[in-house]
Amino acid sequence: LDRYNYFADSLCTEGGISYYKITDISRQAEYSKDLIAPDSLHPSAMQYKLWIDRHYNDLVEKFK
């Protein structure tokens, strides 16, 4: 996954596209079950919120 993320990040950089790193948030699900949906398979609403918060905060910083 780390190699894929590096590749995707590189491709986005070359294309002038923003790439948001969220894998570190997803990996927290191993220790915080609140980040996993009741089906034990998908991200929970809380995890989606953390992803969106990161994206939003990056945008706020970018346009200050």
Protein backbone atom coordinates (compact mmCIF):
# COMPACT_ATOMS: atom_id res chain seq x y z
CA LEU A 1 0.00 0.00 0.00
CA ASP A 2 2.84 2.38 0.79
CA ARG A 3 4.41 1.77 -2.62
CA TYR A 4 1.08 2.31 -4.34
CA ASN A 5 0.52 5.57 -2.43
CA TYR A 6 4.00 6.75 -3.40
CA PHE A 7 3.30 5.95 -7.05
CA ALA A 8 -0.12 7.65 -6.97
CA ASP A 9 1.31 10.71 -5.21
CA SER A 10 4.09 10.96 -7.80
CA LEU A 11 1.63 10.69 -10.67
CA CYS A 12 -0.60 13.37 -9.18
CA THR A 13 2.36 15.67 -8.58
CA GLU A 14 3.42 15.29 -12.22
CA GLY A 15 -0.11 16.11 -13.33
CA GLY A 16 -0.54 19.07 -10.98
CA ILE A 17 -3.30 17.26 -9.08
CA SER A 18 -3.71 17.34 -5.30
CA TYR A 19 -3.18 14.02 -3.57
CA TYR A 20 -4.55 13.59 -0.06
CA LYS A 21 -2.82 11.12 2.17
CA ILE A 22 -5.35 9.32 4.37
CA THR A 23 -3.73 5.93 4.88
CA ASP A 24 -2.44 6.90 8.31
CA ILE A 25 -6.03 7.58 9.38
CA SER A 26 -7.21 4.26 7.96
CA ARG A 27 -4.45 2.40 9.78
CA GLN A 28 -5.70 3.79 13.09
CA ALA A 29 -8.75 1.54 12.69
CA GLU A 30 -6.63 -1.33 13.95
CA TYR A 31 -6.61 0.37 17.35
CA SER A 32 -9.84 2.37 17.23
CA LYS A 33 -12.86 0.28 16.38
CA ASP A 34 -14.92 3.49 16.11
CA LEU A 35 -13.32 3.90 12.69
CA ILE A 36 -14.91 0.70 11.36
CA ALA A 37 -18.57 0.42 10.33
CA PRO A 38 -20.83 -2.12 12.08
CA ASP A 39 -20.32 -4.55 9.18
CA SER A 40 -16.64 -4.77 10.25
CA LEU A 41 -15.65 -4.22 6.64
CA HIS A 42 -16.10 -0.59 5.67
CA PRO A 43 -14.95 2.73 7.11
CA SER A 44 -17.30 4.27 9.64
CA ALA A 45 -18.83 7.72 9.40
CA MET A 46 -16.18 8.86 11.89
CA GLN A 47 -13.38 7.71 9.59
CA TYR A 48 -14.98 9.48 6.63
CA LYS A 49 -15.23 12.61 8.77
CA LEU A 50 -11.52 12.43 9.59
CA TRP A 51 -10.71 12.12 5.88
CA ILE A 52 -12.92 15.10 5.01
CA ASP A 53 -11.52 17.17 7.89
CA ARG A 54 -8.00 16.60 6.61
CA HIS A 55 -8.99 17.57 3.09
CA TYR A 56 -10.86 20.65 4.33
CA ASN A 57 -7.98 21.79 6.55
CA ASP A 58 -5.53 21.40 3.66
CA LEU A 59 -7.77 23.53 1.46
CA VAL A 60 -8.11 26.21 4.14
CA GLU A 61 -4.33 26.38 4.48
CA LYS A 62 -3.88 26.48 0.72
CA PHE A 63 -6.17 29.47 0.26
CA LYS A 64 -5.14 31.57 3.26
